[in-house]
C-alpha cells in the first residue's frame, strides 16, 4: 500500500522520500504514527 512521499522524523520534521535511503527508516506516518519503509520512490507501512 503506497501512502505518501513524506514521513515524520524523530525531531518532528517532514522528510521527503528523496532524502532517505532505501529500507527501514526512523520515519513515522504523519497520519497514524506507524513506522515506514522506503522503497523505490515511495514509503510503505512497517507491517
PDB file of N, CA and C in Angstrom:
ATOM      1  N   UNK A   1       0.841  -1.171   0.000  1.00  0.00           N
ATOM      2  CA  UNK A   1       0.000   0.000   0.000  1.00  0.00           C
ATOM      3  C   UNK A   1       0.892   1.242   0.000  1.00  0.00           C
ATOM      4  N   UNK A   2       0.818   2.055  -1.033  1.00  0.00           N
ATOM      5  CA  UNK A   2       1.577   3.306  -1.058  1.00  0.00           C
ATOM      6  C   UNK A   2       0.821   4.341  -0.248  1.00  0.00           C
ATOM      7  N   UNK A   3       1.544   5.091   0.582  1.00  0.00           N
ATOM      8  CA  UNK A   3       0.853   6.056   1.425  1.00  0.00           C
ATOM      9  C   UNK A   3       1.199   7.493   1.113  1.00  0.00           C
ATOM     10  N   UNK A   4       2.454   7.781   0.875  1.00  0.00           N
ATOM     11  CA  UNK A   4       2.843   9.163   0.669  1.00  0.00           C
ATOM     12  C   UNK A   4       4.308   9.200   0.293  1.00  0.00           C
ATOM     13  N   UNK A   5       4.809  10.365  -0.038  1.00  0.00           N
ATOM     14  CA  UNK A   5       6.215  10.530  -0.343  1.00  0.00           C
ATOM     15  C   UNK A   5       6.942  11.235   0.795  1.00  0.00           C
ATOM     16  N   UNK A   6       6.279  11.393   1.953  1.00  0.00           N
ATOM     17  CA  UNK A   6       6.861  12.082   3.100  1.00  0.00           C
ATOM     18  C   UNK A   6       6.590  11.314   4.388  1.00  0.00           C
ATOM     19  N   UNK A   7       7.465  11.473   5.348  1.00  0.00           N
ATOM     20  CA  UNK A   7       7.291  10.910   6.677  1.00  0.00           C
ATOM     21  C   UNK A   7       7.803  11.908   7.702  1.00  0.00           C
ATOM     22  N   UNK A   8       7.552  11.626   8.969  1.00  0.00           N
ATOM     23  CA  UNK A   8       7.983  12.489  10.064  1.00  0.00           C
ATOM     24  C   UNK A   8       9.194  11.845  10.735  1.00  0.00           C
ATOM     25  N   UNK A   9      10.288  12.610  10.909  1.00  0.00           N
ATOM     26  CA  UNK A   9      11.474  12.055  11.561  1.00  0.00           C
ATOM     27  C   UNK A   9      11.373  12.190  13.080  1.00  0.00           C
ATOM     28  N   UNK A  10      12.407  11.761  13.787  1.00  0.00           N
ATOM     29  CA  UNK A  10      12.397  11.770  15.253  1.00  0.00           C
ATOM     30  C   UNK A  10      12.310  13.176  15.842  1.00  0.00           C
ATOM     31  N   UNK A  11      12.707  14.190  15.066  1.00  0.00           N
ATOM     32  CA  UNK A  11      12.637  15.583  15.514  1.00  0.00           C
ATOM     33  C   UNK A  11      11.310  16.242  15.161  1.00  0.00           C
ATOM     34  N   UNK A  12      10.387  15.479  14.538  1.00  0.00           N
ATOM     35  CA  UNK A  12       9.083  16.018  14.168  1.00  0.00           C
ATOM     36  C   UNK A  12       9.077  16.781  12.855  1.00  0.00           C
ATOM     37  N   UNK A  13      10.146  16.635  12.053  1.00  0.00           N
ATOM     38  CA  UNK A  13      10.237  17.327  10.775  1.00  0.00           C
ATOM     39  C   UNK A  13       9.698  16.461   9.645  1.00  0.00           C
ATOM     40  N   UNK A  14       9.057  17.089   8.655  1.00  0.00           N
ATOM     41  CA  UNK A  14       8.559  16.393   7.477  1.00  0.00           C
ATOM     42  C   UNK A  14       9.733  16.119   6.545  1.00  0.00           C
ATOM     43  N   UNK A  15       9.962  14.846   6.189  1.00  0.00           N
ATOM     44  CA  UNK A  15      11.106  14.440   5.381  1.00  0.00           C
ATOM     45  C   UNK A  15      10.614  13.772   4.094  1.00  0.00           C
ATOM     46  N   UNK A  16      11.187  14.177   2.970  1.00  0.00           N
ATOM     47  CA  UNK A  16      10.852  13.601   1.662  1.00  0.00           C
ATOM     48  C   UNK A  16      11.531  12.250   1.491  1.00  0.00           C
ATOM     49  N   UNK A  17      10.910  11.357   0.740  1.00  0.00           N
ATOM     50  CA  UNK A  17      11.496  10.057   0.434  1.00  0.00           C
ATOM     51  C   UNK A  17      12.833  10.225  -0.280  1.00  0.00           C
ATOM     52  N   UNK A  18      13.001  11.306  -1.030  1.00  0.00           N
ATOM     53  CA  UNK A  18      14.244  11.568  -1.748  1.00  0.00           C
ATOM     54  C   UNK A  18      15.408  11.835  -0.795  1.00  0.00           C
ATOM     55  N   UNK A  19      15.128  12.144   0.464  1.00  0.00           N
ATOM     56  CA  UNK A  19      16.161  12.434   1.455  1.00  0.00           C
ATOM     57  C   UNK A  19      16.521  11.212   2.299  1.00  0.00           C
ATOM     58  N   UNK A  20      15.958  10.057   1.989  1.00  0.00           N
ATOM     59  CA  UNK A  20      16.208   8.850   2.779  1.00  0.00           C
ATOM     60  C   UNK A  20      16.869   7.777   1.935  1.00  0.00           C
ATOM     61  N   UNK A  21      17.437   6.789   2.610  1.00  0.00           N
ATOM     62  CA  UNK A  21      17.976   5.615   1.937  1.00  0.00           C
ATOM     63  C   UNK A  21      16.872   4.568   1.872  1.00  0.00           C
ATOM     64  N   UNK A  22      17.022   3.629   0.951  1.00  0.00           N
ATOM     65  CA  UNK A  22      16.049   2.544   0.861  1.00  0.00           C
ATOM     66  C   UNK A  22      16.137   1.642   2.069  1.00  0.00           C
ATOM     67  N   UNK A  23      15.008   1.039   2.426  1.00  0.00           N
ATOM     68  CA  UNK A  23      14.968   0.118   3.550  1.00  0.00           C
ATOM     69  C   UNK A  23      14.252   0.713   4.746  1.00  0.00           C
ATOM     70  N   UNK A  24      14.410   0.078   5.883  1.00  0.00           N
ATOM     71  CA  UNK A  24      13.748   0.537   7.098  1.00  0.00           C
ATOM     72  C   UNK A  24      14.278   1.907   7.500  1.00  0.00           C
ATOM     73  N   UNK A  25      13.387   2.781   7.915  1.00  0.00           N
ATOM     74  CA  UNK A  25      13.754   4.145   8.295  1.00  0.00           C
ATOM     75  C   UNK A  25      13.288   4.428   9.721  1.00  0.00           C
ATOM     76  N   UNK A  26      13.690   5.573  10.245  1.00  0.00           N
ATOM     77  CA  UNK A  26      13.187   6.053  11.534  1.00  0.00           C
ATOM     78  C   UNK A  26      11.954   6.922  11.339  1.00  0.00           C
ATOM     79  N   UNK A  27      11.472   7.030  10.081  1.00  0.00           N
ATOM     80  CA  UNK A  27      10.326   7.882   9.786  1.00  0.00           C
ATOM     81  C   UNK A  27       9.027   7.251  10.261  1.00  0.00           C
ATOM     82  N   UNK A  28       8.087   8.105  10.626  1.00  0.00           N
ATOM     83  CA  UNK A  28       6.743   7.680  11.037  1.00  0.00           C
ATOM     84  C   UNK A  28       5.720   8.284  10.093  1.00  0.00           C
ATOM     85  N   UNK A  29       4.601   7.609   9.929  1.00  0.00           N
ATOM     86  CA  UNK A  29       3.490   8.117   9.124  1.00  0.00           C
ATOM     87  C   UNK A  29       2.909   9.358   9.804  1.00  0.00           C
ATOM     88  N   UNK A  30       2.659  10.399   9.020  1.00  0.00           N
ATOM     89  CA  UNK A  30       2.105  11.631   9.592  1.00  0.00           C
ATOM     90  C   UNK A  30       0.637  11.477   9.981  1.00  0.00           C
ATOM     91  N   UNK A  31      -0.029  10.436   9.510  1.00  0.00           N
ATOM     92  CA  UNK A  31      -1.442  10.222   9.813  1.00  0.00           C
ATOM     93  C   UNK A  31      -1.662   9.300  11.006  1.00  0.00           C
ATOM     94  N   UNK A  32      -0.918   8.165  11.034  1.00  0.00           N
ATOM     95  CA  UNK A  32      -1.190   7.157  12.071  1.00  0.00           C
ATOM     96  C   UNK A  32       0.000   6.869  12.984  1.00  0.00           C
ATOM     97  N   UNK A  33       1.153   7.460  12.703  1.00  0.00           N
ATOM     98  CA  UNK A  33       2.351   7.324  13.524  1.00  0.00           C
ATOM     99  C   UNK A  33       3.007   5.939  13.456  1.00  0.00           C
ATOM    100  N   UNK A  34       2.643   5.113  12.471  1.00  0.00           N
ATOM    101  CA  UNK A  34       3.308   3.820  12.269  1.00  0.00           C
ATOM    102  C   UNK A  34       4.659   4.038  11.622  1.00  0.00           C
ATOM    103  N   UNK A  35       5.578   3.088  11.805  1.00  0.00           N
ATOM    104  CA  UNK A  35       6.887   3.145  11.163  1.00  0.00           C
ATOM    105  C   UNK A  35       6.760   2.996   9.656  1.00  0.00           C
ATOM    106  N   UNK A  36       7.772   3.476   8.917  1.00  0.00           N
ATOM    107  CA  UNK A  36       7.744   3.432   7.460  1.00  0.00           C
ATOM    108  C   UNK A  36       8.995   2.769   6.905  1.00  0.00           C
ATOM    109  N   UNK A  37       8.851   2.139   5.735  1.00  0.00           N
ATOM    110  CA  UNK A  37       9.957   1.555   4.985  1.00  0.00           C
ATOM    111  C   UNK A  37      10.039   2.297   3.658  1.00  0.00           C
ATOM    112  N   UNK A  38      11.242   2.702   3.260  1.00  0.00           N
ATOM    113  CA  UNK A  38      11.449   3.397   1.987  1.00  0.00           C
ATOM    114  C   UNK A  38      11.706   2.367   0.894  1.00  0.00           C
ATOM    115  N   UNK A  39      10.925   2.447  -0.179  1.00  0.00           N
ATOM    116  CA  UNK A  39      11.096   1.574  -1.337  1.00  0.00           C
ATOM    117  C   UNK A  39      10.974   2.415  -2.597  1.00  0.00           C
ATOM    118  N   UNK A  40      11.906   2.282  -3.500  1.00  0.00           N
ATOM    119  CA  UNK A  40      11.889   2.954  -4.796  1.00  0.00           C
ATOM    120  C   UNK A  40      10.888   4.109  -4.920  1.00  0.00           C
ATOM    121  N   UNK A  41      11.236   5.246  -4.411  1.00  0.00           N
ATOM    122  CA  UNK A  41      10.474   6.484  -4.536  1.00  0.00           C
ATOM    123  C   UNK A  41       9.096   6.461  -3.875  1.00  0.00           C
ATOM    124  N   UNK A  42       8.894   5.591  -2.885  1.00  0.00           N
ATOM    125  CA  UNK A  42       7.646   5.608  -2.123  1.00  0.00           C
ATOM    126  C   UNK A  42       7.906   5.067  -0.724  1.00  0.00           C
ATOM    127  N   UNK A  43       7.018   5.348   0.173  1.00  0.00           N
ATOM    128  CA  UNK A  43       7.111   4.847   1.553  1.00  0.00           C
ATOM    129  C   UNK A  43       5.998   3.836   1.775  1.00  0.00           C
ATOM    130  N   UNK A  44       6.272   2.804   2.558  1.00  0.00           N
ATOM    131  CA  UNK A  44       5.270   1.807   2.923  1.00  0.00           C
ATOM    132  C   UNK A  44       5.264   1.642   4.424  1.00  0.00           C
ATOM    133  N   UNK A  45       4.109   1.226   4.949  1.00  0.00           N
ATOM    134  CA  UNK A  45       3.994   0.936   6.396  1.00  0.00           C
ATOM    135  C   UNK A  45       4.851  -0.261   6.750  1.00  0.00           C
ATOM    136  N   UNK A  46       5.386  -0.270   7.954  1.00  0.00           N
ATOM    137  CA  UNK A  46       6.035  -1.461   8.503  1.00  0.00           C
ATOM    138  C   UNK A  46       4.915  -2.342   9.038  1.00  0.00           C
ATOM    139  N   UNK A  47       4.829  -3.550   8.517  1.00  0.00           N
ATOM    140  CA  UNK A  47       3.748  -4.455   8.928  1.00  0.00           C
ATOM    141  C   UNK A  47       4.338  -5.586   9.744  1.00  0.00           C
TER     142      UNK A  47
END
